[in-house]
Amino acid sequence: MNNNPHDILIRPLLTEKITSLRDKKNCVSFVVSNRATRIDIGQAVEAVLKVKVKSVNVMNVKGKPKRQGRFVGRRANWKKAIITLIEGEKVDLYESA
């Protein structure tokens, strides 16, 4: 998948678990394209954020079943990537003013 890096990284993911991983293990997390591979994700992070990537872990998240009245549906499946950065690298993506 040779796409634009901005097509691979959809949005940053910010949860309590990710915040603790960021502090302890120097990790960042993104919601990524369902078709992206580990190599694509690592290259996209290096290109967009200008940091060196140590490892990439990827998880497929199943969409939850939801209903509204008598109509039943599902939320979309999505892919989550946790990227571990090399020591000394830092991303100011999550810092607020």
PDB file of N, CA and C in Angstrom:
ATOM      1  N   MET A   1       0.858  -1.176   0.000  1.00  0.00           N
ATOM      2  CA  MET A   1       0.000   0.000   0.000  1.00  0.00           C
ATOM      3  C   MET A   1       0.899   1.233   0.000  1.00  0.00           C
ATOM      4  N   ASN A   2       1.076   1.835  -1.164  1.00  0.00           N
ATOM      5  CA  ASN A   2       1.918   3.022  -1.285  1.00  0.00           C
ATOM      6  C   ASN A   2       1.031   4.244  -1.441  1.00  0.00           C
ATOM      7  N   ASN A   3       0.524   4.729  -0.316  1.00  0.00           N
ATOM      8  CA  ASN A   3      -0.348   5.885  -0.318  1.00  0.00           C
ATOM      9  C   ASN A   3       0.322   7.046   0.383  1.00  0.00           C
ATOM     10  N   ASN A   4      -0.376   8.132   0.408  1.00  0.00           N
ATOM     11  CA  ASN A   4       0.029   9.303   1.161  1.00  0.00           C
ATOM     12  C   ASN A   4       0.022   8.937   2.649  1.00  0.00           C
ATOM     13  N   PRO A   5       1.035   9.330   3.425  1.00  0.00           N
ATOM     14  CA  PRO A   5       1.050   8.999   4.859  1.00  0.00           C
ATOM     15  C   PRO A   5      -0.170   9.512   5.614  1.00  0.00           C
ATOM     16  N   HIS A   6      -0.753  10.600   5.126  1.00  0.00           N
ATOM     17  CA  HIS A   6      -1.939  11.146   5.783  1.00  0.00           C
ATOM     18  C   HIS A   6      -3.187  10.298   5.513  1.00  0.00           C
ATOM     19  N   ASP A   7      -3.133   9.448   4.488  1.00  0.00           N
ATOM     20  CA  ASP A   7      -4.233   8.509   4.240  1.00  0.00           C
ATOM     21  C   ASP A   7      -4.128   7.285   5.144  1.00  0.00           C
ATOM     22  N   ILE A   8      -2.916   6.967   5.579  1.00  0.00           N
ATOM     23  CA  ILE A   8      -2.705   5.808   6.449  1.00  0.00           C
ATOM     24  C   ILE A   8      -3.062   6.144   7.892  1.00  0.00           C
ATOM     25  N   LEU A   9      -2.573   7.280   8.405  1.00  0.00           N
ATOM     26  CA  LEU A   9      -2.862   7.710   9.771  1.00  0.00           C
ATOM     27  C   LEU A   9      -4.149   8.516   9.761  1.00  0.00           C
ATOM     28  N   ILE A  10      -5.216   7.953  10.318  1.00  0.00           N
ATOM     29  CA  ILE A  10      -6.515   8.629  10.283  1.00  0.00           C
ATOM     30  C   ILE A  10      -6.623   9.670  11.375  1.00  0.00           C
ATOM     31  N   ARG A  11      -6.354   9.276  12.616  1.00  0.00           N
ATOM     32  CA  ARG A  11      -6.404  10.239  13.725  1.00  0.00           C
ATOM     33  C   ARG A  11      -5.649   9.660  14.909  1.00  0.00           C
ATOM     34  N   PRO A  12      -5.135  10.540  15.795  1.00  0.00           N
ATOM     35  CA  PRO A  12      -4.492  10.025  17.007  1.00  0.00           C
ATOM     36  C   PRO A  12      -5.520   9.445  17.957  1.00  0.00           C
ATOM     37  N   LEU A  13      -5.109   8.489  18.748  1.00  0.00           N
ATOM     38  CA  LEU A  13      -5.984   7.836  19.711  1.00  0.00           C
ATOM     39  C   LEU A  13      -5.508   8.210  21.102  1.00  0.00           C
ATOM     40  N   LEU A  14      -6.391   8.738  21.916  1.00  0.00           N
ATOM     41  CA  LEU A  14      -6.013   9.207  23.241  1.00  0.00           C
ATOM     42  C   LEU A  14      -6.963   8.621  24.271  1.00  0.00           C
ATOM     43  N   THR A  15      -6.463   7.658  25.044  1.00  0.00           N
ATOM     44  CA  THR A  15      -7.222   7.038  26.125  1.00  0.00           C
ATOM     45  C   THR A  15      -6.340   7.018  27.366  1.00  0.00           C
ATOM     46  N   GLU A  16      -6.900   6.608  28.488  1.00  0.00           N
ATOM     47  CA  GLU A  16      -6.113   6.523  29.718  1.00  0.00           C
ATOM     48  C   GLU A  16      -4.991   5.495  29.582  1.00  0.00           C
ATOM     49  N   LYS A  17      -5.268   4.376  28.953  1.00  0.00           N
ATOM     50  CA  LYS A  17      -4.271   3.331  28.787  1.00  0.00           C
ATOM     51  C   LYS A  17      -3.134   3.809  27.875  1.00  0.00           C
ATOM     52  N   ILE A  18      -3.467   4.492  26.813  1.00  0.00           N
ATOM     53  CA  ILE A  18      -2.457   5.013  25.897  1.00  0.00           C
ATOM     54  C   ILE A  18      -1.618   6.083  26.589  1.00  0.00           C
ATOM     55  N   THR A  19      -2.239   6.913  27.416  1.00  0.00           N
ATOM     56  CA  THR A  19      -1.502   7.948  28.143  1.00  0.00           C
ATOM     57  C   THR A  19      -0.479   7.324  29.083  1.00  0.00           C
ATOM     58  N   SER A  20      -0.852   6.248  29.778  1.00  0.00           N
ATOM     59  CA  SER A  20       0.107   5.592  30.670  1.00  0.00           C
ATOM     60  C   SER A  20       1.221   4.925  29.866  1.00  0.00           C
ATOM     61  N   LEU A  21       0.905   4.356  28.697  1.00  0.00           N
ATOM     62  CA  LEU A  21       1.940   3.775  27.834  1.00  0.00           C
ATOM     63  C   LEU A  21       2.890   4.849  27.316  1.00  0.00           C
ATOM     64  N   ARG A  22       2.344   6.024  27.020  1.00  0.00           N
ATOM     65  CA  ARG A  22       3.176   7.121  26.529  1.00  0.00           C
ATOM     66  C   ARG A  22       4.200   7.532  27.588  1.00  0.00           C
ATOM     67  N   ASP A  23       3.761   7.577  28.843  1.00  0.00           N
ATOM     68  CA  ASP A  23       4.655   7.974  29.923  1.00  0.00           C
ATOM     69  C   ASP A  23       5.672   6.887  30.261  1.00  0.00           C
ATOM     70  N   LYS A  24       5.244   5.611  30.265  1.00  0.00           N
ATOM     71  CA  LYS A  24       6.118   4.518  30.688  1.00  0.00           C
ATOM     72  C   LYS A  24       7.029   4.002  29.576  1.00  0.00           C
ATOM     73  N   LYS A  25       6.488   3.836  28.368  1.00  0.00           N
ATOM     74  CA  LYS A  25       7.231   3.147  27.312  1.00  0.00           C
ATOM     75  C   LYS A  25       7.474   3.985  26.060  1.00  0.00           C
ATOM     76  N   ASN A  26       7.161   5.286  26.100  1.00  0.00           N
ATOM     77  CA  ASN A  26       7.395   6.187  24.974  1.00  0.00           C
ATOM     78  C   ASN A  26       6.638   5.721  23.722  1.00  0.00           C
ATOM     79  N   CYS A  27       5.314   5.506  23.880  1.00  0.00           N
ATOM     80  CA  CYS A  27       4.467   5.033  22.786  1.00  0.00           C
ATOM     81  C   CYS A  27       3.468   6.105  22.372  1.00  0.00           C
ATOM     82  N   VAL A  28       3.075   6.059  21.108  1.00  0.00           N
ATOM     83  CA  VAL A  28       1.959   6.866  20.611  1.00  0.00           C
ATOM     84  C   VAL A  28       1.003   5.913  19.911  1.00  0.00           C
ATOM     85  N   SER A  29      -0.244   6.339  19.747  1.00  0.00           N
ATOM     86  CA  SER A  29      -1.242   5.454  19.165  1.00  0.00           C
ATOM     87  C   SER A  29      -2.086   6.202  18.150  1.00  0.00           C
ATOM     88  N   PHE A  30      -2.475   5.496  17.093  1.00  0.00           N
ATOM     89  CA  PHE A  30      -3.286   6.075  16.030  1.00  0.00           C
ATOM     90  C   PHE A  30      -4.361   5.101  15.588  1.00  0.00           C
ATOM     91  N   VAL A  31      -5.476   5.647  15.114  1.00  0.00           N
ATOM     92  CA  VAL A  31      -6.439   4.884  14.338  1.00  0.00           C
ATOM     93  C   VAL A  31      -5.906   4.932  12.917  1.00  0.00           C
ATOM     94  N   VAL A  32      -5.732   3.771  12.299  1.00  0.00           N
ATOM     95  CA  VAL A  32      -5.094   3.712  10.980  1.00  0.00           C
ATOM     96  C   VAL A  32      -6.036   3.069   9.972  1.00  0.00           C
ATOM     97  N   SER A  33      -5.662   3.159   8.713  1.00  0.00           N
ATOM     98  CA  SER A  33      -6.441   2.559   7.631  1.00  0.00           C
ATOM     99  C   SER A  33      -6.501   1.048   7.809  1.00  0.00           C
ATOM    100  N   ASN A  34      -7.634   0.448   7.481  1.00  0.00           N
ATOM    101  CA  ASN A  34      -7.804  -1.000   7.618  1.00  0.00           C
ATOM    102  C   ASN A  34      -6.875  -1.784   6.700  1.00  0.00           C
ATOM    103  N   ARG A  35      -6.405  -1.178   5.617  1.00  0.00           N
ATOM    104  CA  ARG A  35      -5.558  -1.871   4.650  1.00  0.00           C
ATOM    105  C   ARG A  35      -4.077  -1.661   4.913  1.00  0.00           C
ATOM    106  N   ALA A  36      -3.713  -0.849   5.909  1.00  0.00           N
ATOM    107  CA  ALA A  36      -2.308  -0.535   6.171  1.00  0.00           C
ATOM    108  C   ALA A  36      -1.603  -1.690   6.880  1.00  0.00           C
ATOM    109  N   THR A  37      -0.334  -1.890   6.537  1.00  0.00           N
ATOM    110  CA  THR A  37       0.488  -2.904   7.187  1.00  0.00           C
ATOM    111  C   THR A  37       1.387  -2.232   8.218  1.00  0.00           C
ATOM    112  N   ARG A  38       2.093  -3.049   9.011  1.00  0.00           N
ATOM    113  CA  ARG A  38       3.010  -2.503  10.014  1.00  0.00           C
ATOM    114  C   ARG A  38       4.078  -1.625   9.376  1.00  0.00           C
ATOM    115  N   ILE A  39       4.606  -2.063   8.261  1.00  0.00           N
ATOM    116  CA  ILE A  39       5.663  -1.309   7.583  1.00  0.00           C
ATOM    117  C   ILE A  39       5.122   0.024   7.092  1.00  0.00           C
ATOM    118  N   ASP A  40       3.930   0.012   6.482  1.00  0.00           N
ATOM    119  CA  ASP A  40       3.304   1.251   6.014  1.00  0.00           C
ATOM    120  C   ASP A  40       3.091   2.229   7.165  1.00  0.00           C
ATOM    121  N   ILE A  41       2.614   1.710   8.293  1.00  0.00           N
ATOM    122  CA  ILE A  41       2.323   2.562   9.451  1.00  0.00           C
ATOM    123  C   ILE A  41       3.607   3.163  10.008  1.00  0.00           C
ATOM    124  N   GLY A  42       4.654   2.361  10.138  1.00  0.00           N
ATOM    125  CA  GLY A  42       5.926   2.854  10.642  1.00  0.00           C
ATOM    126  C   GLY A  42       6.509   3.941   9.745  1.00  0.00           C
ATOM    127  N   GLN A  43       6.465   3.731   8.437  1.00  0.00           N
ATOM    128  CA  GLN A  43       6.979   4.725   7.498  1.00  0.00           C
ATOM    129  C   GLN A  43       6.147   6.002   7.525  1.00  0.00           C
ATOM    130  N   ALA A  44       4.838   5.870   7.686  1.00  0.00           N
ATOM    131  CA  ALA A  44       3.969   7.053   7.737  1.00  0.00           C
ATOM    132  C   ALA A  44       4.244   7.878   8.985  1.00  0.00           C
ATOM    133  N   VAL A  45       4.436   7.222  10.132  1.00  0.00           N
ATOM    134  CA  VAL A  45       4.733   7.945  11.372  1.00  0.00           C
ATOM    135  C   VAL A  45       6.074   8.662  11.259  1.00  0.00           C
ATOM    136  N   GLU A  46       7.070   7.989  10.700  1.00  0.00           N
ATOM    137  CA  GLU A  46       8.374   8.628  10.531  1.00  0.00           C
ATOM    138  C   GLU A  46       8.300   9.820   9.592  1.00  0.00           C
ATOM    139  N   ALA A  47       7.491   9.720   8.540  1.00  0.00           N
ATOM    140  CA  ALA A  47       7.380  10.814   7.572  1.00  0.00           C
ATOM    141  C   ALA A  47       6.606  12.001   8.140  1.00  0.00           C
ATOM    142  N   VAL A  48       5.508  11.727   8.833  1.00  0.00           N
ATOM    143  CA  VAL A  48       4.642  12.816   9.309  1.00  0.00           C
ATOM    144  C   VAL A  48       5.190  13.467  10.569  1.00  0.00           C
ATOM    145  N   LEU A  49       5.635  12.671  11.537  1.00  0.00           N
ATOM    146  CA  LEU A  49       6.042  13.211  12.832  1.00  0.00           C
ATOM    147  C   LEU A  49       7.546  13.451  12.949  1.00  0.00           C
ATOM    148  N   LYS A  50       8.329  13.018  11.966  1.00  0.00           N
ATOM    149  CA  LYS A  50       9.781  13.226  11.958  1.00  0.00           C
ATOM    150  C   LYS A  50      10.455  12.616  13.193  1.00  0.00           C
ATOM    151  N   VAL A  51      10.100  11.371  13.514  1.00  0.00           N
ATOM    152  CA  VAL A  51      10.691  10.631  14.631  1.00  0.00           C
ATOM    153  C   VAL A  51      11.116   9.258  14.133  1.00  0.00           C
ATOM    154  N   LYS A  52      11.933   8.556  14.917  1.00  0.00           N
ATOM    155  CA  LYS A  52      12.357   7.196  14.580  1.00  0.00           C
ATOM    156  C   LYS A  52      11.484   6.189  15.321  1.00  0.00           C
ATOM    157  N   VAL A  53      11.015   5.181  14.615  1.00  0.00           N
ATOM    158  CA  VAL A  53      10.114   4.172  15.173  1.00  0.00           C
ATOM    159  C   VAL A  53      10.910   2.936  15.556  1.00  0.00           C
ATOM    160  N   LYS A  54      10.648   2.431  16.770  1.00  0.00           N
ATOM    161  CA  LYS A  54      11.286   1.202  17.241  1.00  0.00           C
ATOM    162  C   LYS A  54      10.460  -0.018  16.847  1.00  0.00           C
ATOM    163  N   SER A  55       9.141   0.023  17.133  1.00  0.00           N
ATOM    164  CA  SER A  55       8.273  -1.099  16.778  1.00  0.00           C
ATOM    165  C   SER A  55       6.842  -0.611  16.573  1.00  0.00           C
ATOM    166  N   VAL A  56       6.063  -1.440  15.878  1.00  0.00           N
ATOM    167  CA  VAL A  56       4.659  -1.131  15.602  1.00  0.00           C
ATOM    168  C   VAL A  56       3.828  -2.353  15.976  1.00  0.00           C
ATOM    169  N   ASN A  57       2.834  -2.159  16.838  1.00  0.00           N
ATOM    170  CA  ASN A  57       1.877  -3.209  17.175  1.00  0.00           C
ATOM    171  C   ASN A  57       0.514  -2.802  16.628  1.00  0.00           C
ATOM    172  N   VAL A  58      -0.170  -3.759  16.005  1.00  0.00           N
ATOM    173  CA  VAL A  58      -1.430  -3.460  15.322  1.00  0.00           C
ATOM    174  C   VAL A  58      -2.520  -4.367  15.859  1.00  0.00           C
ATOM    175  N   MET A  59      -3.708  -3.797  16.069  1.00  0.00           N
ATOM    176  CA  MET A  59      -4.863  -4.557  16.526  1.00  0.00           C
ATOM    177  C   MET A  59      -6.081  -4.232  15.673  1.00  0.00           C
ATOM    178  N   ASN A  60      -6.825  -5.252  15.297  1.00  0.00           N
ATOM    179  CA  ASN A  60      -8.100  -5.049  14.624  1.00  0.00           C
ATOM    180  C   ASN A  60      -9.185  -5.027  15.687  1.00  0.00           C
ATOM    181  N   VAL A  61      -9.979  -3.956  15.698  1.00  0.00           N
ATOM    182  CA  VAL A  61     -11.028  -3.788  16.702  1.00  0.00           C
ATOM    183  C   VAL A  61     -12.367  -4.036  16.025  1.00  0.00           C
ATOM    184  N   LYS A  62     -13.132  -4.961  16.567  1.00  0.00           N
ATOM    185  CA  LYS A  62     -14.453  -5.269  16.016  1.00  0.00           C
ATOM    186  C   LYS A  62     -15.452  -4.199  16.420  1.00  0.00           C
ATOM    187  N   GLY A  63     -16.349  -3.850  15.503  1.00  0.00           N
ATOM    188  CA  GLY A  63     -17.390  -2.879  15.791  1.00  0.00           C
ATOM    189  C   GLY A  63     -18.451  -3.482  16.700  1.00  0.00           C
ATOM    190  N   LYS A  64     -18.971  -2.656  17.607  1.00  0.00           N
ATOM    191  CA  LYS A  64     -19.978  -3.129  18.561  1.00  0.00           C
ATOM    192  C   LYS A  64     -21.363  -3.163  17.907  1.00  0.00           C
ATOM    193  N   PRO A  65     -22.188  -4.139  18.291  1.00  0.00           N
ATOM    194  CA  PRO A  65     -23.571  -4.106  17.812  1.00  0.00           C
ATOM    195  C   PRO A  65     -24.344  -2.998  18.533  1.00  0.00           C
ATOM    196  N   LYS A  66     -25.103  -2.238  17.776  1.00  0.00           N
ATOM    197  CA  LYS A  66     -25.902  -1.140  18.335  1.00  0.00           C
ATOM    198  C   LYS A  66     -27.309  -1.250  17.799  1.00  0.00           C
ATOM    199  N   ARG A  67     -28.258  -0.747  18.575  1.00  0.00           N
ATOM    200  CA  ARG A  67     -29.636  -0.731  18.092  1.00  0.00           C
ATOM    201  C   ARG A  67     -30.284   0.580  18.450  1.00  0.00           C
ATOM    202  N   GLN A  68     -31.223   0.968  17.616  1.00  0.00           N
ATOM    203  CA  GLN A  68     -32.017   2.168  17.857  1.00  0.00           C
ATOM    204  C   GLN A  68     -33.467   1.757  17.628  1.00  0.00           C
ATOM    205  N   GLY A  69     -34.157   1.576  18.745  1.00  0.00           N
ATOM    206  CA  GLY A  69     -35.517   1.063  18.652  1.00  0.00           C
ATOM    207  C   GLY A  69     -35.488  -0.379  18.201  1.00  0.00           C
ATOM    208  N   ARG A  70     -36.214  -0.672  17.156  1.00  0.00           N
ATOM    209  CA  ARG A  70     -36.244  -2.051  16.668  1.00  0.00           C
ATOM    210  C   ARG A  70     -35.204  -2.324  15.588  1.00  0.00           C
ATOM    211  N   PHE A  71     -34.426  -1.311  15.205  1.00  0.00           N
ATOM    212  CA  PHE A  71     -33.429  -1.469  14.149  1.00  0.00           C
ATOM    213  C   PHE A  71     -32.079  -1.820  14.755  1.00  0.00           C
ATOM    214  N   VAL A  72     -31.477  -2.879  14.243  1.00  0.00           N
ATOM    215  CA  VAL A  72     -30.199  -3.358  14.756  1.00  0.00           C
ATOM    216  C   VAL A  72     -29.132  -3.106  13.703  1.00  0.00           C
ATOM    217  N   GLY A  73     -27.984  -2.622  14.149  1.00  0.00           N
ATOM    218  CA  GLY A  73     -26.865  -2.388  13.240  1.00  0.00           C
ATOM    219  C   GLY A  73     -25.556  -2.620  13.961  1.00  0.00           C
ATOM    220  N   ARG A  74     -24.476  -2.296  13.304  1.00  0.00           N
ATOM    221  CA  ARG A  74     -23.145  -2.448  13.884  1.00  0.00           C
ATOM    222  C   ARG A  74     -22.342  -1.187  13.615  1.00  0.00           C
ATOM    223  N   ARG A  75     -21.445  -0.868  14.559  1.00  0.00           N
ATOM    224  CA  ARG A  75     -20.451   0.155  14.285  1.00  0.00           C
ATOM    225  C   ARG A  75     -19.381  -0.461  13.390  1.00  0.00           C
ATOM    226  N   ALA A  76     -18.632   0.378  12.720  1.00  0.00           N
ATOM    227  CA  ALA A  76     -17.621  -0.105  11.777  1.00  0.00           C
ATOM    228  C   ALA A  76     -16.441  -0.747  12.509  1.00  0.00           C
ATOM    229  N   ASN A  77     -15.822  -1.759  11.881  1.00  0.00           N
ATOM    230  CA  ASN A  77     -14.567  -2.312  12.380  1.00  0.00           C
ATOM    231  C   ASN A  77     -13.467  -1.302  12.078  1.00  0.00           C
ATOM    232  N   TRP A  78     -12.443  -1.260  12.938  1.00  0.00           N
ATOM    233  CA  TRP A  78     -11.348  -0.319  12.721  1.00  0.00           C
ATOM    234  C   TRP A  78     -10.036  -0.917  13.203  1.00  0.00           C
ATOM    235  N   LYS A  79      -8.942  -0.296  12.836  1.00  0.00           N
ATOM    236  CA  LYS A  79      -7.614  -0.809  13.167  1.00  0.00           C
ATOM    237  C   LYS A  79      -6.880   0.215  14.025  1.00  0.00           C
ATOM    238  N   LYS A  80      -6.257  -0.287  15.096  1.00  0.00           N
ATOM    239  CA  LYS A  80      -5.510   0.544  16.040  1.00  0.00           C
ATOM    240  C   LYS A  80      -4.039   0.160  15.962  1.00  0.00           C
ATOM    241  N   ALA A  81      -3.158   1.173  15.973  1.00  0.00           N
ATOM    242  CA  ALA A  81      -1.717   0.925  15.950  1.00  0.00           C
ATOM    243  C   ALA A  81      -1.071   1.612  17.142  1.00  0.00           C
ATOM    244  N   ILE A  82      -0.238   0.868  17.884  1.00  0.00           N
ATOM    245  CA  ILE A  82       0.548   1.427  18.979  1.00  0.00           C
ATOM    246  C   ILE A  82       1.998   1.418  18.518  1.00  0.00           C
ATOM    247  N   ILE A  83       2.574   2.614  18.421  1.00  0.00           N
ATOM    248  CA  ILE A  83       3.915   2.779  17.888  1.00  0.00           C
ATOM    249  C   ILE A  83       4.864   3.114  19.029  1.00  0.00           C
ATOM    250  N   THR A  84       5.912   2.307  19.210  1.00  0.00           N
ATOM    251  CA  THR A  84       6.933   2.565  20.212  1.00  0.00           C
ATOM    252  C   THR A  84       8.064   3.331  19.538  1.00  0.00           C
ATOM    253  N   LEU A  85       8.442   4.455  20.136  1.00  0.00           N
ATOM    254  CA  LEU A  85       9.499   5.291  19.582  1.00  0.00           C
ATOM    255  C   LEU A  85      10.838   4.942  20.210  1.00  0.00           C
ATOM    256  N   ILE A  86      11.913   5.236  19.502  1.00  0.00           N
ATOM    257  CA  ILE A  86      13.263   5.017  20.020  1.00  0.00           C
ATOM    258  C   ILE A  86      13.488   5.968  21.182  1.00  0.00           C
ATOM    259  N   GLU A  87      14.311   5.533  22.158  1.00  0.00           N
ATOM    260  CA  GLU A  87      14.597   6.377  23.322  1.00  0.00           C
ATOM    261  C   GLU A  87      15.162   7.716  22.883  1.00  0.00           C
ATOM    262  N   GLY A  88      14.694   8.775  23.546  1.00  0.00           N
ATOM    263  CA  GLY A  88      15.138  10.124  23.215  1.00  0.00           C
ATOM    264  C   GLY A  88      14.199  10.841  22.276  1.00  0.00           C
ATOM    265  N   GLU A  89      13.372  10.108  21.535  1.00  0.00           N
ATOM    266  CA  GLU A  89      12.398  10.722  20.632  1.00  0.00           C
ATOM    267  C   GLU A  89      11.169  11.133  21.429  1.00  0.00           C
ATOM    268  N   LYS A  90      10.546  12.234  21.024  1.00  0.00           N
ATOM    269  CA  LYS A  90       9.357  12.712  21.721  1.00  0.00           C
ATOM    270  C   LYS A  90       8.414  13.343  20.712  1.00  0.00           C
ATOM    271  N   VAL A  91       7.121  13.163  20.947  1.00  0.00           N
ATOM    272  CA  VAL A  91       6.100  13.741  20.076  1.00  0.00           C
ATOM    273  C   VAL A  91       5.291  14.726  20.905  1.00  0.00           C
ATOM    274  N   ASP A  92       5.170  15.945  20.423  1.00  0.00           N
ATOM    275  CA  ASP A  92       4.396  16.970  21.126  1.00  0.00           C
ATOM    276  C   ASP A  92       2.971  17.037  20.605  1.00  0.00           C
ATOM    277  N   LEU A  93       2.506  15.936  20.028  1.00  0.00           N
ATOM    278  CA  LEU A  93       1.182  15.874  19.428  1.00  0.00           C
ATOM    279  C   LEU A  93       0.070  16.007  20.455  1.00  0.00           C
ATOM    280  N   TYR A  94       0.288  15.482  21.661  1.00  0.00           N
ATOM    281  CA  TYR A  94      -0.763  15.425  22.664  1.00  0.00           C
ATOM    282  C   TYR A  94      -0.710  16.580  23.665  1.00  0.00           C
ATOM    283  N   GLU A  95       0.313  17.427  23.594  1.00  0.00           N
ATOM    284  CA  GLU A  95       0.446  18.512  24.553  1.00  0.00           C
ATOM    285  C   GLU A  95      -0.538  19.621  24.202  1.00  0.00           C
ATOM    286  N   SER A  96      -1.189  20.159  25.217  1.00  0.00           N
ATOM    287  CA  SER A  96      -2.149  21.246  24.981  1.00  0.00           C
ATOM    288  C   SER A  96      -1.558  22.548  25.481  1.00  0.00           C
ATOM    289  N   ALA A  97      -2.148  23.651  25.054  1.00  0.00           N
ATOM    290  CA  ALA A  97      -1.606  24.973  25.398  1.00  0.00           C
ATOM    291  C   ALA A  97      -1.958  25.397  26.787  1.00  0.00           C
TER     292      ALA A  97
END
